[in-house]
């Protein structure tokens, strides 16, 4: 009996030692995970509270109010905001890919005079915040009669996006040049080489660039406020959420419920696309 107890005690001690060792090695990661997940849990729990309990010292709902999510749809045209956000983010991403992929291909796979200088210009363009050209661009779109809509935010993607071009270029240079050379020897044109040979192997990089573009457009607040702020029918979710918070600032349970509804689609999108996203980021900085 004493030997059995000693064996169990030793096994328990080893288990506790493993747990403490794991916590010691991963303490920083665990702390960062808690710091990241904590606000999301707080928002979710507050969204399910009553108006009287929200933002009190009691952090756990005394009663669960799932009807808060339905009340959000009754008090704001959330579906219209959602449609506008999908339209803006979807079209901006598609146009970005159409325009940026050929530029990235030319900067990474083709040899031509001035290629390095053009790449440096792309890097410089990445460093410029959009607010720098906000005034002249607004004047341009106002003269075109497109203010009050989301088109001034969508159409510029037809000329490419500096960050997306950089990301795609960094990924494309990781694909061996021998694939392109073999296609050319078989008589394939550059466009055929791009679409039939390179693009199928560049799916992770394209997915990462598309996800970045979609997230940037989905979370954009400054652009919709600048161009569509005067027309509520063209508001996106970010702009609509800000307006909702201003109207219902004393009803924090409804504000948090609206926040959860705005966050949910993008969180689901990331979880479904995280494999391609991580692969694209991992291989995009291998070569310079």
C-alpha atoms as a PDB file:
ATOM      1  CA  UNK A   1       0.000   0.000   0.000  1.00  0.00           C
ATOM      2  CA  UNK A   2       2.780   2.415   0.883  1.00  0.00           C
ATOM      3  CA  UNK A   3       4.534   1.714  -2.432  1.00  0.00           C
ATOM      4  CA  UNK A   4       1.296   2.395  -4.340  1.00  0.00           C
ATOM      5  CA  UNK A   5       0.777   5.688  -2.521  1.00  0.00           C
ATOM      6  CA  UNK A   6       4.374   6.688  -3.156  1.00  0.00           C
ATOM      7  CA  UNK A   7       4.006   5.884  -6.853  1.00  0.00           C
ATOM      8  CA  UNK A   8       0.818   7.956  -7.112  1.00  0.00           C
ATOM      9  CA  UNK A   9       2.431  10.845  -5.262  1.00  0.00           C
ATOM     10  CA  UNK A  10       5.451  10.728  -7.565  1.00  0.00           C
ATOM     11  CA  UNK A  11       3.210  10.643 -10.639  1.00  0.00           C
ATOM     12  CA  UNK A  12       1.197  13.583  -9.309  1.00  0.00           C
ATOM     13  CA  UNK A  13       4.388  15.495  -8.616  1.00  0.00           C
ATOM     14  CA  UNK A  14       5.644  14.905 -12.144  1.00  0.00           C
ATOM     15  CA  UNK A  15       2.304  16.028 -13.580  1.00  0.00           C
ATOM     16  CA  UNK A  16       2.371  19.230 -11.521  1.00  0.00           C
ATOM     17  CA  UNK A  17       5.980  19.797 -12.567  1.00  0.00           C
ATOM     18  CA  UNK A  18       5.027  19.458 -16.235  1.00  0.00           C
ATOM     19  CA  UNK A  19       2.131  21.891 -15.801  1.00  0.00           C
ATOM     20  CA  UNK A  20       4.344  24.449 -14.033  1.00  0.00           C
ATOM     21  CA  UNK A  21       7.042  24.014 -16.667  1.00  0.00           C
ATOM     22  CA  UNK A  22       4.495  24.542 -19.444  1.00  0.00           C
ATOM     23  CA  UNK A  23       3.109  27.641 -17.723  1.00  0.00           C
ATOM     24  CA  UNK A  24       6.635  28.995 -17.244  1.00  0.00           C
ATOM     25  CA  UNK A  25       7.450  28.537 -20.932  1.00  0.00           C
ATOM     26  CA  UNK A  26       4.141  29.891 -22.199  1.00  0.00           C
ATOM     27  CA  UNK A  27       3.311  32.493 -19.527  1.00  0.00           C
ATOM     28  CA  UNK A  28       3.761  35.437 -21.879  1.00  0.00           C
ATOM     29  CA  UNK A  29       1.698  33.786 -24.617  1.00  0.00           C
ATOM     30  CA  UNK A  30      -1.061  32.911 -22.132  1.00  0.00           C
ATOM     31  CA  UNK A  31      -1.075  36.466 -20.753  1.00  0.00           C
ATOM     32  CA  UNK A  32      -1.316  37.943 -24.252  1.00  0.00           C
ATOM     33  CA  UNK A  33      -4.097  35.502 -25.153  1.00  0.00           C
ATOM     34  CA  UNK A  34      -6.068  36.499 -22.044  1.00  0.00           C
ATOM     35  CA  UNK A  35      -5.483  40.187 -22.774  1.00  0.00           C
ATOM     36  CA  UNK A  36      -6.796  39.673 -26.324  1.00  0.00           C
ATOM     37  CA  UNK A  37      -9.753  37.411 -25.518  1.00  0.00           C
ATOM     38  CA  UNK A  38     -10.779  39.277 -22.345  1.00  0.00           C
ATOM     39  CA  UNK A  39     -12.326  42.340 -24.070  1.00  0.00           C
ATOM     40  CA  UNK A  40     -14.157  40.124 -26.567  1.00  0.00           C
ATOM     41  CA  UNK A  41     -15.662  38.050 -23.736  1.00  0.00           C
ATOM     42  CA  UNK A  42     -16.604  41.259 -21.902  1.00  0.00           C
ATOM     43  CA  UNK A  43     -18.370  42.622 -25.001  1.00  0.00           C
ATOM     44  CA  UNK A  44     -20.234  39.348 -25.529  1.00  0.00           C
ATOM     45  CA  UNK A  45     -21.377  39.085 -21.901  1.00  0.00           C
ATOM     46  CA  UNK A  46     -22.447  42.743 -21.791  1.00  0.00           C
ATOM     47  CA  UNK A  47     -24.470  42.268 -24.983  1.00  0.00           C
ATOM     48  CA  UNK A  48     -26.538  39.625 -23.176  1.00  0.00           C
ATOM     49  CA  UNK A  49     -27.256  41.743 -20.067  1.00  0.00           C
ATOM     50  CA  UNK A  50     -30.231  43.894 -19.247  1.00  0.00           C
ATOM     51  CA  UNK A  51     -29.969  47.660 -19.612  1.00  0.00           C
ATOM     52  CA  UNK A  52     -29.840  48.053 -15.811  1.00  0.00           C
ATOM     53  CA  UNK A  53     -26.983  45.564 -15.333  1.00  0.00           C
ATOM     54  CA  UNK A  54     -24.724  46.653 -18.211  1.00  0.00           C
ATOM     55  CA  UNK A  55     -21.438  48.221 -17.053  1.00  0.00           C
ATOM     56  CA  UNK A  56     -22.103  47.454 -13.385  1.00  0.00           C
ATOM     57  CA  UNK A  57     -19.658  45.607 -11.143  1.00  0.00           C
ATOM     58  CA  UNK A  58     -21.504  42.341 -11.853  1.00  0.00           C
ATOM     59  CA  UNK A  59     -19.720  41.042 -14.952  1.00  0.00           C
ATOM     60  CA  UNK A  60     -21.835  37.886 -15.374  1.00  0.00           C
ATOM     61  CA  UNK A  61     -25.396  38.279 -16.695  1.00  0.00           C
ATOM     62  CA  UNK A  62     -28.006  37.681 -14.020  1.00  0.00           C
ATOM     63  CA  UNK A  63     -30.446  36.958 -16.837  1.00  0.00           C
ATOM     64  CA  UNK A  64     -29.738  36.252 -20.484  1.00  0.00           C
ATOM     65  CA  UNK A  65     -31.280  38.677 -22.960  1.00  0.00           C
ATOM     66  CA  UNK A  66     -30.827  37.208 -26.416  1.00  0.00           C
ATOM     67  CA  UNK A  67     -33.511  39.578 -27.665  1.00  0.00           C
ATOM     68  CA  UNK A  68     -30.907  42.377 -27.570  1.00  0.00           C
ATOM     69  CA  UNK A  69     -29.622  41.204 -30.942  1.00  0.00           C
ATOM     70  CA  UNK A  70     -33.096  41.425 -32.451  1.00  0.00           C
ATOM     71  CA  UNK A  71     -33.580  44.878 -30.944  1.00  0.00           C
ATOM     72  CA  UNK A  72     -30.491  46.088 -32.785  1.00  0.00           C
ATOM     73  CA  UNK A  73     -32.088  45.207 -36.136  1.00  0.00           C
ATOM     74  CA  UNK A  74     -35.293  46.968 -35.069  1.00  0.00           C
ATOM     75  CA  UNK A  75     -33.508  50.218 -34.175  1.00  0.00           C
ATOM     76  CA  UNK A  76     -30.972  50.456 -37.023  1.00  0.00           C
ATOM     77  CA  UNK A  77     -30.898  49.337 -40.693  1.00  0.00           C
ATOM     78  CA  UNK A  78     -28.102  46.890 -39.952  1.00  0.00           C
ATOM     79  CA  UNK A  79     -28.793  44.735 -42.993  1.00  0.00           C
ATOM     80  CA  UNK A  80     -28.391  47.767 -45.254  1.00  0.00           C
ATOM     81  CA  UNK A  81     -25.084  48.630 -43.547  1.00  0.00           C
ATOM     82  CA  UNK A  82     -23.995  44.999 -43.942  1.00  0.00           C
ATOM     83  CA  UNK A  83     -24.837  45.008 -47.653  1.00  0.00           C
ATOM     84  CA  UNK A  84     -22.894  48.247 -48.152  1.00  0.00           C
ATOM     85  CA  UNK A  85     -19.871  46.844 -46.311  1.00  0.00           C
ATOM     86  CA  UNK A  86     -19.919  43.653 -48.378  1.00  0.00           C
ATOM     87  CA  UNK A  87     -20.286  45.685 -51.582  1.00  0.00           C
ATOM     88  CA  UNK A  88     -17.415  48.007 -50.654  1.00  0.00           C
ATOM     89  CA  UNK A  89     -15.047  45.329 -49.334  1.00  0.00           C
ATOM     90  CA  UNK A  90     -15.910  42.761 -52.017  1.00  0.00           C
ATOM     91  CA  UNK A  91     -15.578  45.039 -55.046  1.00  0.00           C
ATOM     92  CA  UNK A  92     -12.479  46.735 -53.641  1.00  0.00           C
ATOM     93  CA  UNK A  93     -10.809  43.342 -53.119  1.00  0.00           C
ATOM     94  CA  UNK A  94     -11.727  42.043 -56.576  1.00  0.00           C
ATOM     95  CA  UNK A  95     -10.515  45.193 -58.339  1.00  0.00           C
ATOM     96  CA  UNK A  96      -7.344  45.191 -56.250  1.00  0.00           C
ATOM     97  CA  UNK A  97      -6.509  41.630 -57.300  1.00  0.00           C
ATOM     98  CA  UNK A  98      -7.248  42.340 -60.981  1.00  0.00           C
ATOM     99  CA  UNK A  99      -4.923  45.350 -61.015  1.00  0.00           C
ATOM    100  CA  UNK A 100      -2.230  44.333 -58.515  1.00  0.00           C
ATOM    101  CA  UNK A 101      -1.449  40.778 -59.650  1.00  0.00           C
ATOM    102  CA  UNK A 102      -0.101  41.779 -63.110  1.00  0.00           C
ATOM    103  CA  UNK A 103       2.007  44.553 -61.540  1.00  0.00           C
ATOM    104  CA  UNK A 104       3.423  42.163 -58.941  1.00  0.00           C
ATOM    105  CA  UNK A 105       4.153  39.642 -61.689  1.00  0.00           C
ATOM    106  CA  UNK A 106       6.021  42.255 -63.745  1.00  0.00           C
ATOM    107  CA  UNK A 107       8.052  43.348 -60.710  1.00  0.00           C
ATOM    108  CA  UNK A 108       8.969  39.811 -59.686  1.00  0.00           C
ATOM    109  CA  UNK A 109       9.192  37.637 -62.833  1.00  0.00           C
ATOM    110  CA  UNK A 110      10.084  39.962 -65.711  1.00  0.00           C
ATOM    111  CA  UNK A 111      13.370  41.752 -66.340  1.00  0.00           C
ATOM    112  CA  UNK A 112      13.023  45.276 -67.682  1.00  0.00           C
ATOM    113  CA  UNK A 113      14.776  48.589 -67.289  1.00  0.00           C
ATOM    114  CA  UNK A 114      13.540  50.603 -64.322  1.00  0.00           C
ATOM    115  CA  UNK A 115      12.032  47.630 -62.507  1.00  0.00           C
ATOM    116  CA  UNK A 116      13.875  48.311 -59.250  1.00  0.00           C
ATOM    117  CA  UNK A 117      12.992  51.999 -59.373  1.00  0.00           C
ATOM    118  CA  UNK A 118       9.313  51.138 -59.795  1.00  0.00           C
ATOM    119  CA  UNK A 119       9.540  48.766 -56.837  1.00  0.00           C
ATOM    120  CA  UNK A 120      11.049  51.555 -54.712  1.00  0.00           C
ATOM    121  CA  UNK A 121       8.138  53.794 -55.731  1.00  0.00           C
ATOM    122  CA  UNK A 122       5.720  51.109 -54.535  1.00  0.00           C
ATOM    123  CA  UNK A 123       7.489  51.047 -51.165  1.00  0.00           C
ATOM    124  CA  UNK A 124       7.324  54.852 -50.943  1.00  0.00           C
ATOM    125  CA  UNK A 125       3.602  54.736 -51.742  1.00  0.00           C
ATOM    126  CA  UNK A 126       3.125  52.287 -48.865  1.00  0.00           C
ATOM    127  CA  UNK A 127       4.552  54.855 -46.449  1.00  0.00           C
ATOM    128  CA  UNK A 128       2.108  57.603 -47.427  1.00  0.00           C
ATOM    129  CA  UNK A 129      -1.072  57.673 -45.303  1.00  0.00           C
ATOM    130  CA  UNK A 130      -4.308  58.143 -47.268  1.00  0.00           C
ATOM    131  CA  UNK A 131      -5.042  61.351 -45.348  1.00  0.00           C
ATOM    132  CA  UNK A 132      -2.189  63.053 -47.242  1.00  0.00           C
ATOM    133  CA  UNK A 133      -4.158  63.077 -50.499  1.00  0.00           C
ATOM    134  CA  UNK A 134      -7.640  63.212 -48.935  1.00  0.00           C
ATOM    135  CA  UNK A 135      -8.380  66.838 -49.874  1.00  0.00           C
ATOM    136  CA  UNK A 136      -7.367  66.739 -53.568  1.00  0.00           C
ATOM    137  CA  UNK A 137      -9.025  63.345 -54.024  1.00  0.00           C
ATOM    138  CA  UNK A 138     -12.242  64.609 -52.452  1.00  0.00           C
ATOM    139  CA  UNK A 139     -12.253  67.603 -54.795  1.00  0.00           C
ATOM    140  CA  UNK A 140     -11.696  65.257 -57.751  1.00  0.00           C
ATOM    141  CA  UNK A 141     -14.570  62.936 -56.820  1.00  0.00           C
ATOM    142  CA  UNK A 142     -16.829  65.868 -55.963  1.00  0.00           C
ATOM    143  CA  UNK A 143     -16.332  67.288 -59.463  1.00  0.00           C
ATOM    144  CA  UNK A 144     -17.154  63.833 -60.853  1.00  0.00           C
ATOM    145  CA  UNK A 145     -20.397  63.854 -58.857  1.00  0.00           C
ATOM    146  CA  UNK A 146     -19.631  60.651 -56.920  1.00  0.00           C
ATOM    147  CA  UNK A 147     -19.542  62.020 -53.376  1.00  0.00           C
ATOM    148  CA  UNK A 148     -22.275  60.597 -51.193  1.00  0.00           C
ATOM    149  CA  UNK A 149     -21.537  57.120 -52.564  1.00  0.00           C
ATOM    150  CA  UNK A 150     -18.922  54.420 -51.946  1.00  0.00           C
ATOM    151  CA  UNK A 151     -17.529  54.537 -55.482  1.00  0.00           C
ATOM    152  CA  UNK A 152     -14.693  56.948 -54.583  1.00  0.00           C
ATOM    153  CA  UNK A 153     -13.447  54.189 -52.268  1.00  0.00           C
ATOM    154  CA  UNK A 154     -13.942  51.317 -54.711  1.00  0.00           C
ATOM    155  CA  UNK A 155     -12.732  52.716 -58.042  1.00  0.00           C
ATOM    156  CA  UNK A 156      -9.163  53.666 -56.920  1.00  0.00           C
ATOM    157  CA  UNK A 157      -8.447  49.941 -56.564  1.00  0.00           C
ATOM    158  CA  UNK A 158      -8.457  49.750 -60.363  1.00  0.00           C
ATOM    159  CA  UNK A 159      -4.933  51.218 -60.293  1.00  0.00           C
ATOM    160  CA  UNK A 160      -3.680  48.765 -57.683  1.00  0.00           C
ATOM    161  CA  UNK A 161      -2.758  48.927 -54.034  1.00  0.00           C
ATOM    162  CA  UNK A 162       0.853  49.483 -52.936  1.00  0.00           C
ATOM    163  CA  UNK A 163       0.787  47.096 -49.986  1.00  0.00           C
ATOM    164  CA  UNK A 164      -0.938  44.351 -51.979  1.00  0.00           C
ATOM    165  CA  UNK A 165       1.563  44.737 -54.831  1.00  0.00           C
ATOM    166  CA  UNK A 166       4.432  44.481 -52.350  1.00  0.00           C
ATOM    167  CA  UNK A 167       2.961  41.414 -50.631  1.00  0.00           C
ATOM    168  CA  UNK A 168       2.213  39.625 -53.895  1.00  0.00           C
ATOM    169  CA  UNK A 169       5.610  40.489 -55.351  1.00  0.00           C
ATOM    170  CA  UNK A 170       7.358  39.071 -52.279  1.00  0.00           C
ATOM    171  CA  UNK A 171       5.389  35.851 -52.623  1.00  0.00           C
ATOM    172  CA  UNK A 172       5.852  35.473 -56.385  1.00  0.00           C
ATOM    173  CA  UNK A 173       9.652  35.672 -56.167  1.00  0.00           C
ATOM    174  CA  UNK A 174       9.591  32.545 -53.988  1.00  0.00           C
ATOM    175  CA  UNK A 175       8.236  30.517 -56.950  1.00  0.00           C
ATOM    176  CA  UNK A 176      11.173  28.989 -58.866  1.00  0.00           C
ATOM    177  CA  UNK A 177      11.935  30.710 -62.162  1.00  0.00           C
ATOM    178  CA  UNK A 178      12.222  27.322 -63.861  1.00  0.00           C
ATOM    179  CA  UNK A 179       8.413  27.047 -64.042  1.00  0.00           C
ATOM    180  CA  UNK A 180       8.173  30.260 -66.063  1.00  0.00           C
ATOM    181  CA  UNK A 181      11.090  29.247 -68.281  1.00  0.00           C
ATOM    182  CA  UNK A 182       9.507  25.872 -69.030  1.00  0.00           C
ATOM    183  CA  UNK A 183       6.216  27.503 -69.963  1.00  0.00           C
ATOM    184  CA  UNK A 184       7.977  29.932 -72.312  1.00  0.00           C
ATOM    185  CA  UNK A 185       9.864  27.064 -73.967  1.00  0.00           C
ATOM    186  CA  UNK A 186       6.504  25.421 -74.632  1.00  0.00           C
ATOM    187  CA  UNK A 187       5.400  28.578 -76.438  1.00  0.00           C
ATOM    188  CA  UNK A 188       3.238  30.094 -73.708  1.00  0.00           C
ATOM    189  CA  UNK A 189       2.827  33.865 -73.689  1.00  0.00           C
ATOM    190  CA  UNK A 190       3.430  35.919 -70.550  1.00  0.00           C
ATOM    191  CA  UNK A 191      -0.301  36.155 -69.841  1.00  0.00           C
ATOM    192  CA  UNK A 192      -0.722  32.414 -70.281  1.00  0.00           C
ATOM    193  CA  UNK A 193       2.278  31.773 -68.041  1.00  0.00           C
ATOM    194  CA  UNK A 194       0.805  34.075 -65.417  1.00  0.00           C
ATOM    195  CA  UNK A 195      -2.714  32.638 -65.417  1.00  0.00           C
ATOM    196  CA  UNK A 196      -2.004  28.936 -66.031  1.00  0.00           C
ATOM    197  CA  UNK A 197       1.339  28.416 -64.286  1.00  0.00           C
ATOM    198  CA  UNK A 198       2.064  31.081 -61.687  1.00  0.00           C
ATOM    199  CA  UNK A 199      -1.366  31.916 -60.262  1.00  0.00           C
ATOM    200  CA  UNK A 200      -2.258  28.324 -59.269  1.00  0.00           C
ATOM    201  CA  UNK A 201       0.962  28.181 -57.225  1.00  0.00           C
ATOM    202  CA  UNK A 202       0.395  31.639 -55.754  1.00  0.00           C
ATOM    203  CA  UNK A 203      -2.983  30.929 -54.138  1.00  0.00           C
ATOM    204  CA  UNK A 204      -1.733  31.392 -50.527  1.00  0.00           C
ATOM    205  CA  UNK A 205      -0.191  34.770 -51.354  1.00  0.00           C
ATOM    206  CA  UNK A 206      -3.289  35.885 -53.252  1.00  0.00           C
ATOM    207  CA  UNK A 207      -5.509  34.759 -50.363  1.00  0.00           C
ATOM    208  CA  UNK A 208      -3.397  36.726 -47.880  1.00  0.00           C
ATOM    209  CA  UNK A 209      -3.499  39.882 -50.026  1.00  0.00           C
ATOM    210  CA  UNK A 210      -7.247  39.501 -50.564  1.00  0.00           C
ATOM    211  CA  UNK A 211      -7.882  39.032 -46.848  1.00  0.00           C
ATOM    212  CA  UNK A 212      -5.809  42.087 -45.965  1.00  0.00           C
ATOM    213  CA  UNK A 213      -7.694  44.162 -48.536  1.00  0.00           C
ATOM    214  CA  UNK A 214     -11.077  42.896 -47.380  1.00  0.00           C
ATOM    215  CA  UNK A 215     -10.287  43.550 -43.710  1.00  0.00           C
ATOM    216  CA  UNK A 216      -8.984  47.023 -44.482  1.00  0.00           C
ATOM    217  CA  UNK A 217     -12.138  47.947 -46.389  1.00  0.00           C
ATOM    218  CA  UNK A 218     -14.469  46.286 -43.879  1.00  0.00           C
ATOM    219  CA  UNK A 219     -12.947  48.179 -40.939  1.00  0.00           C
ATOM    220  CA  UNK A 220     -12.534  51.463 -42.821  1.00  0.00           C
ATOM    221  CA  UNK A 221     -14.205  54.347 -41.022  1.00  0.00           C
ATOM    222  CA  UNK A 222     -12.454  57.418 -42.387  1.00  0.00           C
ATOM    223  CA  UNK A 223     -13.258  56.724 -46.044  1.00  0.00           C
ATOM    224  CA  UNK A 224     -17.015  56.099 -45.679  1.00  0.00           C
ATOM    225  CA  UNK A 225     -17.294  59.054 -43.292  1.00  0.00           C
ATOM    226  CA  UNK A 226     -15.562  61.339 -45.787  1.00  0.00           C
ATOM    227  CA  UNK A 227     -17.434  60.306 -48.924  1.00  0.00           C
ATOM    228  CA  UNK A 228     -20.736  58.789 -47.740  1.00  0.00           C
ATOM    229  CA  UNK A 229     -21.269  60.514 -44.402  1.00  0.00           C
ATOM    230  CA  UNK A 230     -23.933  62.793 -45.888  1.00  0.00           C
ATOM    231  CA  UNK A 231     -25.952  59.837 -47.224  1.00  0.00           C
ATOM    232  CA  UNK A 232     -27.048  57.334 -44.522  1.00  0.00           C
ATOM    233  CA  UNK A 233     -28.294  54.886 -47.164  1.00  0.00           C
ATOM    234  CA  UNK A 234     -24.656  54.264 -48.181  1.00  0.00           C
ATOM    235  CA  UNK A 235     -23.226  53.907 -44.686  1.00  0.00           C
ATOM    236  CA  UNK A 236     -21.084  50.860 -43.932  1.00  0.00           C
ATOM    237  CA  UNK A 237     -21.118  48.861 -40.703  1.00  0.00           C
ATOM    238  CA  UNK A 238     -18.246  50.831 -39.168  1.00  0.00           C
ATOM    239  CA  UNK A 239     -20.003  54.136 -39.787  1.00  0.00           C
ATOM    240  CA  UNK A 240     -23.401  52.760 -38.785  1.00  0.00           C
ATOM    241  CA  UNK A 241     -21.976  51.342 -35.553  1.00  0.00           C
ATOM    242  CA  UNK A 242     -20.494  54.721 -34.629  1.00  0.00           C
ATOM    243  CA  UNK A 243     -23.869  56.373 -35.243  1.00  0.00           C
ATOM    244  CA  UNK A 244     -25.670  53.660 -33.262  1.00  0.00           C
ATOM    245  CA  UNK A 245     -23.306  54.147 -30.328  1.00  0.00           C
ATOM    246  CA  UNK A 246     -23.965  57.874 -30.371  1.00  0.00           C
ATOM    247  CA  UNK A 247     -27.744  57.398 -30.319  1.00  0.00           C
ATOM    248  CA  UNK A 248     -27.762  54.566 -27.740  1.00  0.00           C
ATOM    249  CA  UNK A 249     -24.784  55.556 -25.607  1.00  0.00           C
ATOM    250  CA  UNK A 250     -26.742  54.930 -22.384  1.00  0.00           C
ATOM    251  CA  UNK A 251     -27.929  51.493 -23.577  1.00  0.00           C
ATOM    252  CA  UNK A 252     -24.595  49.731 -23.492  1.00  0.00           C
ATOM    253  CA  UNK A 253     -26.140  46.283 -23.807  1.00  0.00           C
ATOM    254  CA  UNK A 254     -27.557  47.215 -27.237  1.00  0.00           C
ATOM    255  CA  UNK A 255     -24.312  48.915 -28.247  1.00  0.00           C
ATOM    256  CA  UNK A 256     -22.343  45.798 -27.350  1.00  0.00           C
ATOM    257  CA  UNK A 257     -24.860  43.599 -29.174  1.00  0.00           C
ATOM    258  CA  UNK A 258     -24.392  45.710 -32.302  1.00  0.00           C
ATOM    259  CA  UNK A 259     -20.623  45.445 -31.864  1.00  0.00           C
ATOM    260  CA  UNK A 260     -20.830  41.635 -31.684  1.00  0.00           C
ATOM    261  CA  UNK A 261     -22.901  41.537 -34.867  1.00  0.00           C
ATOM    262  CA  UNK A 262     -20.364  43.725 -36.666  1.00  0.00           C
ATOM    263  CA  UNK A 263     -17.392  41.641 -35.487  1.00  0.00           C
ATOM    264  CA  UNK A 264     -18.905  38.204 -36.134  1.00  0.00           C
ATOM    265  CA  UNK A 265     -18.621  38.059 -39.968  1.00  0.00           C
ATOM    266  CA  UNK A 266     -14.981  39.087 -40.058  1.00  0.00           C
ATOM    267  CA  UNK A 267     -14.013  36.677 -37.252  1.00  0.00           C
ATOM    268  CA  UNK A 268     -15.708  33.818 -39.098  1.00  0.00           C
ATOM    269  CA  UNK A 269     -13.969  34.824 -42.332  1.00  0.00           C
ATOM    270  CA  UNK A 270     -10.572  34.764 -40.651  1.00  0.00           C
ATOM    271  CA  UNK A 271     -11.139  31.329 -39.096  1.00  0.00           C
ATOM    272  CA  UNK A 272     -12.141  29.853 -42.460  1.00  0.00           C
ATOM    273  CA  UNK A 273      -9.230  31.488 -44.316  1.00  0.00           C
ATOM    274  CA  UNK A 274      -6.526  31.385 -41.639  1.00  0.00           C
ATOM    275  CA  UNK A 275      -4.578  28.534 -43.269  1.00  0.00           C
ATOM    276  CA  UNK A 276      -4.126  30.380 -46.562  1.00  0.00           C
ATOM    277  CA  UNK A 277      -3.529  33.631 -44.698  1.00  0.00           C
ATOM    278  CA  UNK A 278      -0.714  32.180 -42.572  1.00  0.00           C
ATOM    279  CA  UNK A 279       0.908  30.432 -45.550  1.00  0.00           C
ATOM    280  CA  UNK A 280       0.816  33.626 -47.584  1.00  0.00           C
ATOM    281  CA  UNK A 281       2.436  35.666 -44.827  1.00  0.00           C
ATOM    282  CA  UNK A 282       5.009  32.967 -44.091  1.00  0.00           C
ATOM    283  CA  UNK A 283       6.365  32.838 -47.654  1.00  0.00           C
ATOM    284  CA  UNK A 284       5.954  36.508 -48.559  1.00  0.00           C
ATOM    285  CA  UNK A 285       9.151  37.677 -46.875  1.00  0.00           C
ATOM    286  CA  UNK A 286      11.549  34.854 -47.763  1.00  0.00           C
ATOM    287  CA  UNK A 287      13.408  36.757 -50.468  1.00  0.00           C
ATOM    288  CA  UNK A 288      14.100  40.428 -51.070  1.00  0.00           C
END
